[in-house]
Protein backbone atom coordinates (compact mmCIF):
# COMPACT_ATOMS: atom_id res chain seq x y z
CA MET A 1 19.90 45.30 112.25
CA ARG A 2 23.17 46.52 110.96
CA LYS A 3 24.55 44.62 107.44
CA ILE A 4 28.13 44.83 106.30
CA HIS A 5 28.67 44.35 102.27
CA LEU A 6 31.27 41.73 102.08
CA THR A 7 32.99 40.98 98.75
CA TYR A 8 35.43 37.98 98.71
CA ARG A 9 37.70 37.53 95.64
CA ARG A 10 39.41 34.57 94.56
CA ILE A 11 42.02 34.67 91.52
CA PRO A 12 41.49 34.36 88.93
CA ASN A 13 37.95 35.79 88.91
CA ARG A 14 35.83 34.44 91.12
CA VAL A 15 33.78 36.89 93.28
CA LEU A 16 31.49 35.80 96.10
CA GLU A 17 29.40 39.04 97.53
CA ARG A 18 26.85 38.90 100.17
CA GLU A 19 25.12 41.08 103.37
CA ASP A 20 25.67 39.83 106.52
CA GLU A 21 24.94 40.53 109.96
CA VAL A 22 27.32 42.84 111.76
CA ILE A 23 27.51 41.79 115.64
CA ALA A 24 30.31 44.24 116.45
CA ASP A 25 32.17 47.08 114.74
CA LEU A 26 35.31 48.11 116.10
CA GLY A 27 36.87 50.00 113.41
CA GLU A 28 39.71 47.81 112.44
CA VAL A 29 37.79 44.59 113.41
CA VAL A 30 34.47 43.71 111.93
CA VAL A 31 32.66 41.09 113.44
CA ALA A 32 29.85 39.46 111.67
CA LYS A 33 27.32 36.41 111.47
CA SER A 34 26.67 34.19 108.39
CA ARG A 35 25.68 30.70 107.30
CA PHE A 36 27.52 28.44 105.13
CA SER A 37 25.86 28.01 101.72
CA GLY A 38 26.50 26.92 98.34
CA MET A 39 29.03 24.58 99.10
CA LEU A 40 29.46 21.40 96.48
CA ALA A 41 30.42 19.30 99.30
CA PRO A 42 31.14 19.29 103.18
CA LEU A 43 34.88 20.33 104.10
CA LYS A 44 36.52 17.34 105.88
CA VAL A 45 39.54 17.94 107.67
CA ASN A 46 41.76 14.65 108.84
CA GLY A 47 38.63 12.80 108.00
CA VAL A 48 36.01 14.53 110.13
CA GLU A 49 33.23 16.55 108.64
CA VAL A 50 33.85 20.27 110.07
CA ILE A 51 31.95 22.71 107.53
CA ARG A 52 28.53 21.86 105.69
CA ASN A 53 25.82 24.21 104.29
CA GLY A 54 23.56 25.57 106.91
CA TYR A 55 26.26 25.40 109.54
CA GLY A 56 26.73 29.01 111.06
CA MET A 57 29.88 31.35 111.27
CA LEU A 58 30.99 34.21 113.21
CA TYR A 59 33.71 36.14 111.20
CA PHE A 60 36.15 38.28 112.18
CA ALA A 61 37.72 40.58 109.35
CA PHE A 62 40.80 42.08 110.58
CA ILE A 63 41.42 45.49 108.41
CA GLY A 64 44.88 45.53 107.09
CA GLU A 65 45.81 42.11 107.77
CA ASN A 66 46.28 39.14 105.43
CA TYR A 67 43.80 36.57 107.30
CA ASP A 68 40.47 36.30 108.30
CA ILE A 69 39.18 33.97 111.17
CA LEU A 70 35.74 32.31 110.74
CA LYS A 71 34.30 30.54 114.19
CA VAL A 72 32.20 27.56 112.93
CA TYR A 73 29.26 26.23 114.55
CA ASP A 74 26.89 23.26 113.63
CA GLU A 75 23.13 23.48 113.29
CA GLU A 76 22.52 23.12 117.12
CA GLY A 77 25.14 25.93 117.46
CA ASN A 78 28.17 23.71 118.61
CA PHE A 79 31.44 25.03 117.84
CA LYS A 80 33.43 23.09 115.78
CA GLY A 81 36.55 24.83 115.19
CA LEU A 82 38.28 27.96 113.40
CA TYR A 83 38.89 28.38 109.73
CA ILE A 84 41.47 30.76 109.08
CA ASP A 85 41.69 32.37 105.35
CA VAL A 86 45.17 33.34 104.05
CA LEU A 87 44.64 36.52 102.35
CA ALA A 88 46.35 38.94 100.11
CA TYR A 89 44.99 42.23 101.97
CA THR A 90 41.31 43.16 103.58
CA LYS A 91 40.47 46.58 102.75
CA ARG A 92 37.51 48.60 104.35
CA ASP A 93 35.30 51.05 102.87
CA GLY A 94 32.41 52.40 105.25
CA ASP A 95 29.91 49.28 105.40
CA SER A 96 31.84 47.64 102.85
CA LEU A 97 34.61 44.76 103.20
CA GLU A 98 36.68 43.37 100.37
CA MET A 99 39.11 40.52 100.58
CA LEU A 100 41.60 38.90 98.01
CA ASP A 101 41.77 35.10 98.98
CA LEU A 102 45.24 33.35 98.30
CA PHE A 103 43.99 29.57 98.23
CA LEU A 104 45.68 28.62 101.49
CA ASP A 105 43.43 27.95 104.76
CA ILE A 106 44.04 26.54 107.94
CA PHE A 107 41.47 24.60 110.13
CA VAL A 108 42.02 24.34 113.89
CA PHE A 109 39.92 21.93 115.62
CA PRO A 110 38.51 22.87 119.38
CA ASN A 111 41.43 21.00 121.07
CA GLY A 112 43.94 23.23 119.04
CA GLU A 113 45.13 20.73 116.28
CA ALA A 114 45.84 22.70 113.25
CA PHE A 115 45.85 21.57 109.52
CA LEU A 116 47.00 23.53 106.52
CA LEU A 117 44.71 23.54 103.79
CA ASP A 118 44.78 23.68 100.14
CA GLU A 119 48.32 23.62 99.20
CA ASP A 120 47.32 21.85 96.03
CA GLU A 121 45.00 24.76 94.84
CA LEU A 122 47.85 27.07 95.35
CA GLU A 123 50.48 24.90 93.77
CA MET A 124 47.85 25.13 90.42
CA ALA A 125 47.70 28.59 90.45
CA LEU A 126 51.26 29.17 90.37
CA ASN A 127 51.82 26.19 87.44
CA TYR A 128 49.21 27.66 85.45
CA GLY A 129 50.32 31.15 85.74
CA LEU A 130 47.26 32.56 87.74
CA ILE A 131 49.80 33.96 90.47
CA ASP A 132 53.70 34.71 90.32
CA ARG A 133 56.18 32.94 92.68
CA GLU A 134 56.05 36.23 95.03
CA THR A 135 52.37 35.78 95.70
CA PHE A 136 53.16 32.22 96.06
CA ASP A 137 55.69 32.79 98.57
CA PHE A 138 53.72 35.44 100.65
CA ALA A 139 50.85 33.16 101.01
CA TYR A 140 53.07 30.25 102.42
CA SER A 141 54.94 33.17 104.82
CA VAL A 142 51.53 34.23 106.02
CA ALA A 143 50.08 30.48 106.76
CA ARG A 144 53.47 29.63 108.44
CA GLU A 145 53.35 32.60 110.63
CA VAL A 146 49.79 31.89 111.58
CA LEU A 147 50.85 28.03 112.29
CA GLU A 148 53.91 29.53 114.36
CA LYS A 149 51.69 31.69 116.46
CA LEU A 150 48.98 29.09 117.21
CA LYS A 151 51.94 26.82 118.25
CA ARG A 152 53.13 29.64 120.84
CA LYS A 153 49.33 30.23 121.61
CA ASP A 154 49.86 33.83 120.48
CA PHE A 155 47.04 33.13 117.94
CA PRO A 156 43.81 33.92 117.45
CA PRO A 157 43.68 37.39 118.84
CA GLU A 158 41.93 37.48 122.20
CA ILE A 159 38.76 39.19 120.38
CA VAL A 160 37.63 35.77 118.63
CA TRP A 161 36.92 34.39 122.14
CA GLU A 162 34.79 37.23 123.41
CA TYR A 163 32.00 36.48 120.88
CA ASP A 164 30.06 33.55 120.33
CA TRP A 165 27.22 32.05 118.00
CA ARG A 166 24.69 32.84 120.41
CA GLY A 167 25.55 36.36 121.02
């Protein structure tokens, strides 16, 4: 089983590193499998619990893009939705991926309903001087673009529907 090393950075200095199972390596897109762990509390969106420790994810890293996409599955393998991270960058060096998180996230329910998350965290990062106004505006522009594409049904990229938790 091939592994990929993921380094996920969060401003100011949080770093998550893990080794994940590679499902598909298409060069500019890496599809890997992992499970959620270390969450302090389950994630609720619009009053619905959508992610908790033990849930599975297929994640899609798009090299050179400003987002990644996680397909979320509960313990029984039921699809819960898409979790999209807004990123400053996604870089690849061989079997290593590195991403820098820009706070904002989007959750898309299976019915297509989308919610923008963590605006308060982005606002705080700006207020405490952890990011500048340019980075703040950039994060919002990426999130807006993704939300617009979702509305037009131009998002996510087709490849996201080609892979499933069960393989």
